[in-house]
Amino acid sequence: MKPTKLGWEDVIQFEEVKGYGQHIWRDGNHLYYVTEEGGIAPQRVVYELPNELFALLESGERSLLEISYKIETDRWPPTEEEKKASEKRFIEESPTSLIDLPETRELFTQEELERLIPIAEQMWIDWRGKLPDDYVSPLN
């Protein structure tokens, strides 16, 4: 969604919806979400808050953080499964992290590791000349 042209000076004249730390404001039948954006000198930005998103927030079905993500990006935040799938795809493209970050192996089945570890080991050797001295293959 795109921010409105409203500024903080406009919004503070509306009714604050309590319980959301000055992030949600009501003007009649219209709801607004206020956030800060920007790096060093953040600015308050005002978005319209659709009633259906506010209903999800009020019901507890979605958190304020999820609602803000949806408003600012026009999509819901990724689920844990989606995050893991994305990380897995990234590692499959460049599997060397399977060598030095053993915890990344947990994303893969044994069959997948049997396919990826030899590739990762060869990539590591090509890059560094040899595998790390403390490396223990998960295939042994």
N, C-alpha and C. Protein backbone atom coordinates (compact mmCIF):
# COMPACT_ATOMS: atom_id res chain seq x y z
N MET A 1 0.84 -1.17 0.00
CA MET A 1 0.00 0.00 0.00
C MET A 1 0.89 1.24 0.00
N LYS A 2 0.35 2.28 -0.51
CA LYS A 2 1.09 3.54 -0.52
C LYS A 2 0.65 4.39 0.67
N PRO A 3 1.59 5.14 1.22
CA PRO A 3 1.22 6.03 2.32
C PRO A 3 0.22 7.09 1.85
N THR A 4 -0.55 7.58 2.79
CA THR A 4 -1.46 8.68 2.49
C THR A 4 -0.67 9.99 2.49
N LYS A 5 -1.32 11.07 2.18
CA LYS A 5 -0.69 12.39 2.24
C LYS A 5 -0.83 13.01 3.63
N LEU A 6 -1.50 12.29 4.52
CA LEU A 6 -1.70 12.80 5.87
C LEU A 6 -0.38 12.82 6.63
N GLY A 7 -0.24 13.82 7.49
CA GLY A 7 0.92 13.91 8.35
C GLY A 7 0.54 13.66 9.79
N TRP A 8 1.53 13.60 10.66
CA TRP A 8 1.30 13.38 12.08
C TRP A 8 0.37 14.45 12.66
N GLU A 9 0.56 15.68 12.19
CA GLU A 9 -0.27 16.80 12.69
C GLU A 9 -1.75 16.57 12.40
N ASP A 10 -2.02 15.91 11.27
CA ASP A 10 -3.41 15.59 10.93
C ASP A 10 -3.93 14.45 11.80
N VAL A 11 -3.12 13.43 11.95
CA VAL A 11 -3.55 12.22 12.63
C VAL A 11 -3.82 12.45 14.11
N ILE A 12 -3.03 13.27 14.77
CA ILE A 12 -3.23 13.45 16.21
C ILE A 12 -4.54 14.15 16.53
N GLN A 13 -5.20 14.65 15.52
CA GLN A 13 -6.53 15.22 15.73
C GLN A 13 -7.61 14.15 15.69
N PHE A 14 -7.25 12.94 15.26
CA PHE A 14 -8.19 11.83 15.21
C PHE A 14 -8.25 11.16 16.58
N GLU A 15 -9.11 10.16 16.69
CA GLU A 15 -9.24 9.39 17.92
C GLU A 15 -8.21 8.25 17.91
N GLU A 16 -7.38 8.21 18.94
CA GLU A 16 -6.41 7.11 19.05
C GLU A 16 -7.13 5.84 19.46
N VAL A 17 -6.84 4.74 18.77
CA VAL A 17 -7.39 3.44 19.15
C VAL A 17 -6.43 2.89 20.20
N LYS A 18 -6.90 2.81 21.42
CA LYS A 18 -6.06 2.43 22.56
C LYS A 18 -5.57 0.98 22.44
N GLY A 19 -4.38 0.76 22.97
CA GLY A 19 -3.82 -0.58 23.01
C GLY A 19 -2.81 -0.86 21.90
N TYR A 20 -2.56 0.13 21.05
CA TYR A 20 -1.65 -0.10 19.93
C TYR A 20 -0.52 0.93 19.89
N GLY A 21 -0.25 1.57 21.00
CA GLY A 21 0.90 2.45 21.12
C GLY A 21 0.95 3.58 20.10
N GLN A 22 -0.12 4.26 19.90
CA GLN A 22 -0.24 5.38 18.95
C GLN A 22 0.04 4.98 17.51
N HIS A 23 -0.21 3.73 17.19
CA HIS A 23 -0.05 3.29 15.81
C HIS A 23 -1.36 3.29 15.04
N ILE A 24 -2.49 3.18 15.75
CA ILE A 24 -3.78 3.09 15.05
C ILE A 24 -4.68 4.24 15.50
N TRP A 25 -5.24 4.90 14.51
CA TRP A 25 -6.08 6.08 14.74
C TRP A 25 -7.36 5.94 13.92
N ARG A 26 -8.45 6.55 14.45
CA ARG A 26 -9.76 6.47 13.79
C ARG A 26 -10.27 7.88 13.53
N ASP A 27 -10.78 8.07 12.32
CA ASP A 27 -11.46 9.31 11.96
C ASP A 27 -12.79 8.90 11.36
N GLY A 28 -13.82 8.89 12.19
CA GLY A 28 -15.12 8.40 11.74
C GLY A 28 -15.03 6.92 11.43
N ASN A 29 -15.33 6.57 10.17
CA ASN A 29 -15.27 5.16 9.75
C ASN A 29 -13.93 4.78 9.14
N HIS A 30 -12.98 5.71 9.12
CA HIS A 30 -11.68 5.46 8.52
C HIS A 30 -10.63 5.18 9.59
N LEU A 31 -9.84 4.16 9.34
CA LEU A 31 -8.75 3.79 10.25
C LEU A 31 -7.42 4.06 9.57
N TYR A 32 -6.42 4.42 10.39
CA TYR A 32 -5.09 4.73 9.87
C TYR A 32 -4.03 4.04 10.72
N TYR A 33 -2.99 3.62 10.05
CA TYR A 33 -1.84 3.02 10.73
C TYR A 33 -0.67 3.99 10.57
N VAL A 34 -0.02 4.32 11.69
CA VAL A 34 1.10 5.27 11.69
C VAL A 34 2.36 4.53 12.11
N THR A 35 3.42 4.73 11.34
CA THR A 35 4.70 4.11 11.64
C THR A 35 5.82 5.08 11.31
N GLU A 36 7.01 4.74 11.73
CA GLU A 36 8.18 5.53 11.37
C GLU A 36 8.95 4.80 10.31
N GLU A 37 9.37 5.54 9.29
CA GLU A 37 10.17 4.96 8.22
C GLU A 37 11.37 5.86 7.98
N GLY A 38 12.44 5.26 7.50
CA GLY A 38 13.65 6.03 7.23
C GLY A 38 14.75 5.62 8.19
N GLY A 39 15.96 5.92 7.82
CA GLY A 39 17.11 5.49 8.60
C GLY A 39 17.49 6.47 9.68
N ILE A 40 18.40 7.36 9.37
CA ILE A 40 18.98 8.26 10.36
C ILE A 40 17.95 9.26 10.90
N ALA A 41 17.13 9.78 10.01
CA ALA A 41 16.11 10.75 10.42
C ALA A 41 14.73 10.20 10.07
N PRO A 42 14.22 9.28 10.90
CA PRO A 42 12.93 8.65 10.57
C PRO A 42 11.79 9.67 10.53
N GLN A 43 10.85 9.40 9.68
CA GLN A 43 9.65 10.22 9.52
C GLN A 43 8.43 9.39 9.83
N ARG A 44 7.42 10.00 10.43
CA ARG A 44 6.16 9.29 10.62
C ARG A 44 5.43 9.24 9.29
N VAL A 45 4.92 8.06 8.99
CA VAL A 45 4.20 7.84 7.74
C VAL A 45 2.83 7.27 8.09
N VAL A 46 1.81 7.72 7.37
CA VAL A 46 0.43 7.32 7.65
C VAL A 46 -0.11 6.51 6.49
N TYR A 47 -0.64 5.33 6.82
CA TYR A 47 -1.29 4.45 5.84
C TYR A 47 -2.75 4.30 6.20
N GLU A 48 -3.59 4.11 5.19
CA GLU A 48 -4.97 3.73 5.49
C GLU A 48 -4.94 2.30 5.99
N LEU A 49 -5.76 2.01 6.97
CA LEU A 49 -5.85 0.66 7.52
C LEU A 49 -7.22 0.09 7.14
N PRO A 50 -7.25 -0.85 6.20
CA PRO A 50 -8.54 -1.43 5.80
C PRO A 50 -9.23 -2.10 7.00
N ASN A 51 -10.55 -2.01 7.00
CA ASN A 51 -11.33 -2.59 8.10
C ASN A 51 -11.06 -4.08 8.28
N GLU A 52 -10.87 -4.81 7.17
CA GLU A 52 -10.64 -6.25 7.28
C GLU A 52 -9.32 -6.57 7.98
N LEU A 53 -8.30 -5.72 7.78
CA LEU A 53 -7.03 -5.94 8.49
C LEU A 53 -7.18 -5.59 9.97
N PHE A 54 -7.92 -4.53 10.24
CA PHE A 54 -8.15 -4.16 11.64
C PHE A 54 -8.93 -5.25 12.36
N ALA A 55 -9.88 -5.88 11.67
CA ALA A 55 -10.66 -6.97 12.27
C ALA A 55 -9.75 -8.15 12.62
N LEU A 56 -8.78 -8.45 11.76
CA LEU A 56 -7.83 -9.53 12.05
C LEU A 56 -6.98 -9.18 13.27
N LEU A 57 -6.62 -7.92 13.39
CA LEU A 57 -5.84 -7.46 14.53
C LEU A 57 -6.66 -7.54 15.82
N GLU A 58 -7.85 -7.03 15.77
CA GLU A 58 -8.73 -7.02 16.95
C GLU A 58 -9.08 -8.43 17.42
N SER A 59 -9.23 -9.35 16.47
CA SER A 59 -9.60 -10.72 16.84
C SER A 59 -8.41 -11.50 17.40
N GLY A 60 -7.20 -10.96 17.22
CA GLY A 60 -6.01 -11.66 17.67
C GLY A 60 -5.48 -12.64 16.64
N GLU A 61 -6.16 -12.72 15.49
CA GLU A 61 -5.72 -13.65 14.44
C GLU A 61 -4.37 -13.23 13.85
N ARG A 62 -4.12 -11.92 13.82
CA ARG A 62 -2.85 -11.37 13.33
C ARG A 62 -2.34 -10.35 14.34
N SER A 63 -1.00 -10.24 14.42
CA SER A 63 -0.38 -9.29 15.34
C SER A 63 -0.21 -7.93 14.66
N LEU A 64 0.11 -6.92 15.45
CA LEU A 64 0.37 -5.60 14.90
C LEU A 64 1.57 -5.65 13.95
N LEU A 65 2.57 -6.45 14.31
CA LEU A 65 3.74 -6.59 13.45
C LEU A 65 3.36 -7.19 12.09
N GLU A 66 2.51 -8.21 12.09
CA GLU A 66 2.07 -8.82 10.84
C GLU A 66 1.24 -7.85 10.01
N ILE A 67 0.36 -7.12 10.67
CA ILE A 67 -0.49 -6.14 9.98
C ILE A 67 0.38 -5.04 9.37
N SER A 68 1.36 -4.56 10.12
CA SER A 68 2.22 -3.50 9.59
C SER A 68 3.00 -4.00 8.38
N TYR A 69 3.48 -5.24 8.44
CA TYR A 69 4.21 -5.83 7.30
C TYR A 69 3.29 -5.87 6.08
N LYS A 70 2.06 -6.30 6.27
CA LYS A 70 1.10 -6.40 5.18
C LYS A 70 0.81 -5.02 4.59
N ILE A 71 0.63 -4.04 5.43
CA ILE A 71 0.34 -2.69 4.96
C ILE A 71 1.51 -2.12 4.17
N GLU A 72 2.72 -2.31 4.68
CA GLU A 72 3.90 -1.70 4.08
C GLU A 72 4.38 -2.44 2.84
N THR A 73 4.16 -3.76 2.74
CA THR A 73 4.69 -4.54 1.62
C THR A 73 3.61 -5.13 0.72
N ASP A 74 2.37 -5.04 1.14
CA ASP A 74 1.23 -5.60 0.42
C ASP A 74 1.27 -7.13 0.35
N ARG A 75 1.96 -7.75 1.32
CA ARG A 75 1.94 -9.21 1.43
C ARG A 75 2.16 -9.56 2.90
N TRP A 76 1.76 -10.77 3.26
CA TRP A 76 1.93 -11.22 4.63
C TRP A 76 3.38 -11.61 4.86
N PRO A 77 3.85 -11.50 6.10
CA PRO A 77 5.23 -11.94 6.37
C PRO A 77 5.35 -13.44 6.10
N PRO A 78 6.55 -13.88 5.71
CA PRO A 78 6.71 -15.31 5.43
C PRO A 78 6.52 -16.15 6.69
N THR A 79 5.98 -17.33 6.49
CA THR A 79 5.83 -18.27 7.59
C THR A 79 7.19 -18.90 7.89
N GLU A 80 7.28 -19.62 8.98
CA GLU A 80 8.53 -20.32 9.31
C GLU A 80 8.89 -21.32 8.22
N GLU A 81 7.88 -22.00 7.69
CA GLU A 81 8.12 -22.97 6.62
C GLU A 81 8.68 -22.27 5.37
N GLU A 82 8.11 -21.11 5.04
CA GLU A 82 8.59 -20.36 3.88
C GLU A 82 10.01 -19.85 4.09
N LYS A 83 10.32 -19.42 5.31
CA LYS A 83 11.68 -18.96 5.61
C LYS A 83 12.68 -20.11 5.45
N LYS A 84 12.31 -21.29 5.99
CA LYS A 84 13.19 -22.46 5.87
C LYS A 84 13.37 -22.87 4.42
N ALA A 85 12.29 -22.85 3.64
CA ALA A 85 12.37 -23.22 2.23
C ALA A 85 13.27 -22.25 1.47
N SER A 86 13.17 -20.98 1.80
CA SER A 86 14.01 -19.97 1.15
C SER A 86 15.48 -20.18 1.52
N GLU A 87 15.75 -20.43 2.79
CA GLU A 87 17.12 -20.68 3.23
C GLU A 87 17.68 -21.95 2.57
N LYS A 88 16.83 -22.94 2.46
CA LYS A 88 17.25 -24.21 1.85
C LYS A 88 17.61 -23.99 0.38
N ARG A 89 16.77 -23.23 -0.35
CA ARG A 89 17.06 -22.94 -1.76
C ARG A 89 18.38 -22.18 -1.90
N PHE A 90 18.62 -21.24 -0.99
CA PHE A 90 19.85 -20.46 -1.02
C PHE A 90 21.07 -21.36 -0.82
N ILE A 91 20.98 -22.26 0.15
CA ILE A 91 22.11 -23.17 0.45
C ILE A 91 22.33 -24.13 -0.72
N GLU A 92 21.26 -24.60 -1.33
CA GLU A 92 21.40 -25.52 -2.47
C GLU A 92 22.16 -24.87 -3.63
N GLU A 93 22.00 -23.56 -3.80
CA GLU A 93 22.70 -22.85 -4.87
C GLU A 93 24.19 -22.70 -4.56
N SER A 94 24.53 -22.58 -3.30
CA SER A 94 25.93 -22.45 -2.90
C SER A 94 26.10 -23.18 -1.56
N PRO A 95 26.31 -24.48 -1.61
CA PRO A 95 26.24 -25.32 -0.41
C PRO A 95 27.45 -25.28 0.52
N THR A 96 28.40 -24.38 0.32
CA THR A 96 29.59 -24.39 1.18
C THR A 96 29.26 -24.16 2.65
N SER A 97 28.14 -23.52 2.96
CA SER A 97 27.80 -23.33 4.37
C SER A 97 27.55 -24.67 5.08
N LEU A 98 27.27 -25.71 4.31
CA LEU A 98 27.12 -27.04 4.91
C LEU A 98 28.43 -27.53 5.53
N ILE A 99 29.55 -26.97 5.11
CA ILE A 99 30.86 -27.35 5.63
C ILE A 99 31.15 -26.63 6.95
N ASP A 100 30.98 -25.31 6.97
CA ASP A 100 31.40 -24.55 8.16
C ASP A 100 30.25 -24.18 9.10
N LEU A 101 29.02 -24.42 8.69
CA LEU A 101 27.87 -24.16 9.56
C LEU A 101 27.03 -25.43 9.65
N PRO A 102 27.45 -26.37 10.50
CA PRO A 102 26.75 -27.66 10.56
C PRO A 102 25.25 -27.56 10.84
N GLU A 103 24.82 -26.49 11.51
CA GLU A 103 23.39 -26.35 11.81
C GLU A 103 22.54 -26.23 10.54
N THR A 104 23.15 -25.80 9.43
CA THR A 104 22.39 -25.70 8.18
C THR A 104 22.00 -27.06 7.64
N ARG A 105 22.70 -28.08 8.08
CA ARG A 105 22.40 -29.44 7.60
C ARG A 105 21.03 -29.93 8.06
N GLU A 106 20.53 -29.34 9.14
CA GLU A 106 19.24 -29.75 9.69
C GLU A 106 18.08 -29.50 8.72
N LEU A 107 18.30 -28.63 7.74
CA LEU A 107 17.25 -28.32 6.77
C LEU A 107 17.05 -29.42 5.74
N PHE A 108 18.01 -30.35 5.68
CA PHE A 108 18.03 -31.33 4.60
C PHE A 108 17.84 -32.75 5.11
N THR A 109 17.29 -33.57 4.24
CA THR A 109 17.18 -35.00 4.54
C THR A 109 18.55 -35.64 4.32
N GLN A 110 18.70 -36.86 4.77
CA GLN A 110 19.96 -37.59 4.57
C GLN A 110 20.25 -37.76 3.08
N GLU A 111 19.22 -38.07 2.31
CA GLU A 111 19.39 -38.24 0.86
C GLU A 111 19.87 -36.94 0.21
N GLU A 112 19.31 -35.83 0.64
CA GLU A 112 19.73 -34.53 0.08
C GLU A 112 21.17 -34.23 0.47
N LEU A 113 21.53 -34.55 1.71
CA LEU A 113 22.92 -34.33 2.14
C LEU A 113 23.89 -35.21 1.36
N GLU A 114 23.48 -36.43 1.07
CA GLU A 114 24.34 -37.32 0.28
C GLU A 114 24.61 -36.76 -1.11
N ARG A 115 23.68 -35.98 -1.62
CA ARG A 115 23.86 -35.34 -2.91
C ARG A 115 24.66 -34.04 -2.78
N LEU A 116 24.38 -33.25 -1.73
CA LEU A 116 24.96 -31.91 -1.61
C LEU A 116 26.35 -31.87 -0.98
N ILE A 117 26.62 -32.73 -0.01
CA ILE A 117 27.91 -32.67 0.70
C ILE A 117 29.10 -32.83 -0.25
N PRO A 118 29.10 -33.80 -1.16
CA PRO A 118 30.25 -33.89 -2.08
C PRO A 118 30.44 -32.63 -2.92
N ILE A 119 29.34 -32.02 -3.32
CA ILE A 119 29.42 -30.76 -4.08
C ILE A 119 30.01 -29.67 -3.20
N ALA A 120 29.50 -29.58 -1.97
CA ALA A 120 29.98 -28.56 -1.03
C ALA A 120 31.47 -28.75 -0.73
N GLU A 121 31.87 -29.99 -0.51
CA GLU A 121 33.28 -30.26 -0.22
C GLU A 121 34.18 -29.85 -1.39
N GLN A 122 33.74 -30.18 -2.60
CA GLN A 122 34.55 -29.83 -3.76
C GLN A 122 34.60 -28.31 -3.95
N MET A 123 33.48 -27.65 -3.75
CA MET A 123 33.46 -26.18 -3.86
C MET A 123 34.41 -25.56 -2.82
N TRP A 124 34.37 -26.11 -1.61
CA TRP A 124 35.24 -25.60 -0.53
C TRP A 124 36.72 -25.79 -0.90
N ILE A 125 37.05 -26.97 -1.38
CA ILE A 125 38.44 -27.26 -1.77
C ILE A 125 38.87 -26.33 -2.90
N ASP A 126 38.01 -26.14 -3.88
CA ASP A 126 38.33 -25.23 -4.99
C ASP A 126 38.56 -23.80 -4.49
N TRP A 127 37.84 -23.43 -3.45
CA TRP A 127 37.90 -22.07 -2.91
C TRP A 127 39.09 -21.89 -1.96
N ARG A 128 39.27 -22.84 -1.04
CA ARG A 128 40.25 -22.71 0.04
C ARG A 128 41.48 -23.62 -0.11
N GLY A 129 41.42 -24.54 -1.03
CA GLY A 129 42.56 -25.44 -1.22
C GLY A 129 42.44 -26.74 -0.46
N LYS A 130 41.73 -26.72 0.68
CA LYS A 130 41.51 -27.94 1.46
C LYS A 130 40.35 -27.69 2.40
N LEU A 131 39.80 -28.80 2.90
CA LEU A 131 38.70 -28.70 3.87
C LEU A 131 39.26 -28.23 5.21
N PRO A 132 38.44 -27.62 6.06
CA PRO A 132 38.91 -27.19 7.38
C PRO A 132 39.47 -28.37 8.18
N ASP A 133 40.49 -28.11 8.98
CA ASP A 133 41.13 -29.17 9.77
C ASP A 133 40.15 -29.87 10.71
N ASP A 134 39.17 -29.14 11.24
CA ASP A 134 38.23 -29.72 12.20
C ASP A 134 36.95 -30.25 11.54
N TYR A 135 36.91 -30.28 10.23
CA TYR A 135 35.71 -30.72 9.50
C TYR A 135 35.52 -32.23 9.63
N VAL A 136 34.28 -32.60 9.94
CA VAL A 136 33.89 -34.01 9.98
C VAL A 136 32.68 -34.15 9.06
N SER A 137 32.82 -34.96 8.07
CA SER A 137 31.74 -35.16 7.10
C SER A 137 30.53 -35.79 7.77
N PRO A 138 29.34 -35.28 7.50
CA PRO A 138 28.14 -35.91 8.06
C PRO A 138 27.79 -37.21 7.36
N LEU A 139 28.52 -37.55 6.31
CA LEU A 139 28.25 -38.79 5.57
C LEU A 139 29.02 -39.97 6.13
N ASN A 140 29.94 -39.73 7.05
CA ASN A 140 30.75 -40.82 7.63
C ASN A 140 30.02 -41.49 8.76
